Amino acid sequence: MPRELSVGEVAQRSGVPVSTLHFYESRGLIRSHRTKGNQRRFDRDVLRRVSIIRVAQEVGIPLAEIGAALAALPDARTPTRDDWIALSQRWAADLDRRIAQLQKLRDGLGDCIGCGCLSLESCPIRNGDDRLANEGPGPRWLLAGGSAPG
């Protein structure tokens, strides 16, 4: 097996379009080098990096966060099994927070979400006299992850 892969081979093996690989490279998520004939080549371990990027994206981790995690590895090396365990544990806490936020949003879709809407007469989390205006715009209790006064 060749140690280096062309961009087309990486695309074929990873299932990621060439344009996406170029995008990842422009963001510093993966690296290539040029041959004497000016052809782009990737080390074979780029397949693992691309897989990690895709899995992380699939669960909603922003590319900037993925890039920061990969850049924190010594010499920007390809993540090892131990690296993946550490990354996934760190991301799991954030995913748990997002899941809780989404469940709260889902459960409150039919009710007022503390935004000063038209349900002032029946809203259980009524914001009388617009007390929350000083905290910023939007549905403060929902966005802050807090709960309404009962």
Protein backbone atom coordinates (compact mmCIF):
# COMPACT_ATOMS: atom_id res chain seq x y z
CA MET A 1 0.00 0.00 0.00
CA PRO A 2 1.33 3.44 -0.85
CA ARG A 3 2.21 5.63 2.12
CA GLU A 4 0.90 8.75 0.39
CA LEU A 5 -2.48 9.37 -1.18
CA SER A 6 -3.68 11.80 -3.82
CA VAL A 7 -6.61 14.04 -3.00
CA GLY A 8 -8.82 11.83 -5.19
CA GLU A 9 -7.75 8.72 -3.29
CA VAL A 10 -8.46 10.40 0.05
CA ALA A 11 -11.88 11.45 -1.24
CA GLN A 12 -12.64 7.93 -2.45
CA ARG A 13 -11.46 6.24 0.77
CA SER A 14 -13.09 8.72 3.15
CA GLY A 15 -16.31 9.35 1.24
CA VAL A 16 -15.66 13.09 1.49
CA PRO A 17 -15.80 15.23 -1.67
CA VAL A 18 -12.53 16.71 -2.95
CA SER A 19 -13.95 20.21 -2.43
CA THR A 20 -14.55 19.42 1.25
CA LEU A 21 -10.98 18.13 1.62
CA HIS A 22 -9.71 21.39 0.11
CA PHE A 23 -11.91 23.28 2.58
CA TYR A 24 -10.58 21.26 5.52
CA GLU A 25 -7.06 21.94 4.35
CA SER A 26 -7.72 25.69 4.01
CA ARG A 27 -8.95 25.65 7.63
CA GLY A 28 -5.84 23.82 8.83
CA LEU A 29 -7.73 20.66 9.79
CA ILE A 30 -5.66 18.46 7.47
CA ARG A 31 -2.32 18.93 5.73
CA SER A 32 -0.86 17.93 2.42
CA HIS A 33 2.42 18.50 0.70
CA ARG A 34 3.42 18.91 -2.93
CA THR A 35 5.50 16.51 -4.99
CA LYS A 36 8.25 17.70 -7.31
CA GLY A 37 5.61 17.57 -10.04
CA ASN A 38 3.42 19.92 -7.91
CA GLN A 39 0.84 17.24 -7.16
CA ARG A 40 -0.90 17.36 -3.78
CA ARG A 41 -0.22 14.34 -1.57
CA PHE A 42 -1.55 13.37 1.83
CA ASP A 43 0.02 11.05 4.34
CA ARG A 44 -2.19 7.99 4.85
CA ASP A 45 -3.02 8.99 8.43
CA VAL A 46 -5.12 11.85 7.05
CA LEU A 47 -7.91 9.28 6.74
CA ARG A 48 -8.16 9.09 10.53
CA ARG A 49 -8.21 12.87 10.86
CA VAL A 50 -10.95 13.14 8.25
CA SER A 51 -12.97 10.43 10.03
CA ILE A 52 -12.69 12.26 13.33
CA ILE A 53 -13.72 15.53 11.70
CA ARG A 54 -16.75 13.90 10.08
CA VAL A 55 -17.88 12.14 13.26
CA ALA A 56 -17.52 15.33 15.28
CA GLN A 57 -19.43 17.33 12.67
CA GLU A 58 -22.15 14.70 12.56
CA VAL A 59 -22.87 15.20 16.26
CA GLY A 60 -22.82 18.97 15.93
CA ILE A 61 -19.34 19.96 17.06
CA PRO A 62 -18.43 23.23 15.28
CA LEU A 63 -15.46 23.10 12.91
CA ALA A 64 -13.67 25.78 14.91
CA GLU A 65 -13.81 23.57 18.00
CA ILE A 66 -12.70 20.51 16.03
CA GLY A 67 -9.79 22.51 14.63
CA ALA A 68 -8.77 23.75 18.06
CA ALA A 69 -8.82 20.20 19.44
CA LEU A 70 -6.73 18.84 16.57
CA ALA A 71 -4.31 21.78 16.71
CA ALA A 72 -3.73 21.10 20.42
CA LEU A 73 -2.17 17.73 19.62
CA PRO A 74 1.64 17.72 19.76
CA ASP A 75 3.12 18.49 16.34
CA ALA A 76 -0.43 18.46 14.93
CA ARG A 77 -0.15 14.68 14.78
CA THR A 78 -2.98 12.37 13.95
CA PRO A 79 -5.05 11.53 17.02
CA THR A 80 -4.31 8.25 18.73
CA ARG A 81 -6.89 6.07 20.45
CA ASP A 82 -6.14 7.84 23.75
CA ASP A 83 -6.50 11.23 22.05
CA TRP A 84 -9.88 10.18 20.67
CA ILE A 85 -11.05 9.06 24.12
CA ALA A 86 -10.05 12.43 25.61
CA LEU A 87 -11.67 14.39 22.76
CA SER A 88 -14.88 12.41 22.86
CA GLN A 89 -15.18 12.75 26.64
CA ARG A 90 -14.70 16.51 26.40
CA TRP A 91 -17.25 16.77 23.62
CA ALA A 92 -19.70 14.49 25.43
CA ALA A 93 -20.22 17.04 28.19
CA ASP A 94 -21.03 19.72 25.64
CA LEU A 95 -23.38 17.35 23.81
CA ASP A 96 -25.17 16.54 27.07
CA ARG A 97 -25.68 20.28 27.63
CA ARG A 98 -27.04 20.70 24.10
CA ILE A 99 -29.35 17.71 24.46
CA ALA A 100 -30.79 19.17 27.66
CA GLN A 101 -31.25 22.53 25.92
CA LEU A 102 -33.00 20.91 22.97
CA GLN A 103 -35.27 18.88 25.25
CA LYS A 104 -36.20 22.05 27.12
CA LEU A 105 -36.92 23.79 23.83
CA ARG A 106 -38.99 20.85 22.57
CA ASP A 107 -40.99 20.64 25.78
CA GLY A 108 -41.69 24.37 25.81
CA LEU A 109 -42.58 24.89 22.16
CA GLY A 110 -46.29 25.09 22.88
CA ASP A 111 -45.87 27.44 25.82
CA CYS A 112 -44.41 30.85 26.41
CA ILE A 113 -40.62 30.84 26.57
CA GLY A 114 -40.13 34.04 28.56
CA CYS A 115 -39.82 36.36 25.61
CA GLY A 116 -42.52 38.91 26.45
CA CYS A 117 -44.89 37.38 23.90
CA LEU A 118 -48.62 37.86 23.60
CA SER A 119 -49.55 35.44 26.37
CA LEU A 120 -49.04 37.96 29.18
CA GLU A 121 -52.31 36.98 30.85
CA SER A 122 -51.56 33.26 31.08
CA CYS A 123 -47.79 33.00 30.81
CA PRO A 124 -46.36 31.08 33.80
CA ILE A 125 -43.04 32.86 33.47
CA ARG A 126 -44.42 36.31 32.92
CA ASN A 127 -41.92 39.09 32.63
CA GLY A 128 -43.91 41.87 34.24
CA ASP A 129 -42.62 45.39 33.58
CA ASP A 130 -40.03 43.85 31.26
CA ARG A 131 -37.67 43.07 34.15
CA LEU A 132 -35.47 40.96 31.90
CA ALA A 133 -34.70 43.77 29.45
CA ASN A 134 -31.46 44.52 31.27
CA GLU A 135 -30.24 40.98 30.65
CA GLY A 136 -30.37 41.31 26.87
CA PRO A 137 -32.68 40.48 23.99
CA GLY A 138 -34.54 37.28 23.30
CA PRO A 139 -35.93 34.47 25.43
CA ARG A 140 -33.66 34.92 28.45
CA TRP A 141 -34.73 31.90 30.49
CA LEU A 142 -34.48 29.55 27.54
CA LEU A 143 -31.17 30.84 26.21
CA ALA A 144 -29.55 31.07 29.62
CA GLY A 145 -30.64 27.54 30.44
CA GLY A 146 -32.32 28.85 33.56
CA SER A 147 -35.79 28.24 34.79
CA ALA A 148 -38.60 30.66 35.18
CA PRO A 149 -39.66 31.85 38.57
CA GLY A 150 -42.46 29.65 39.80
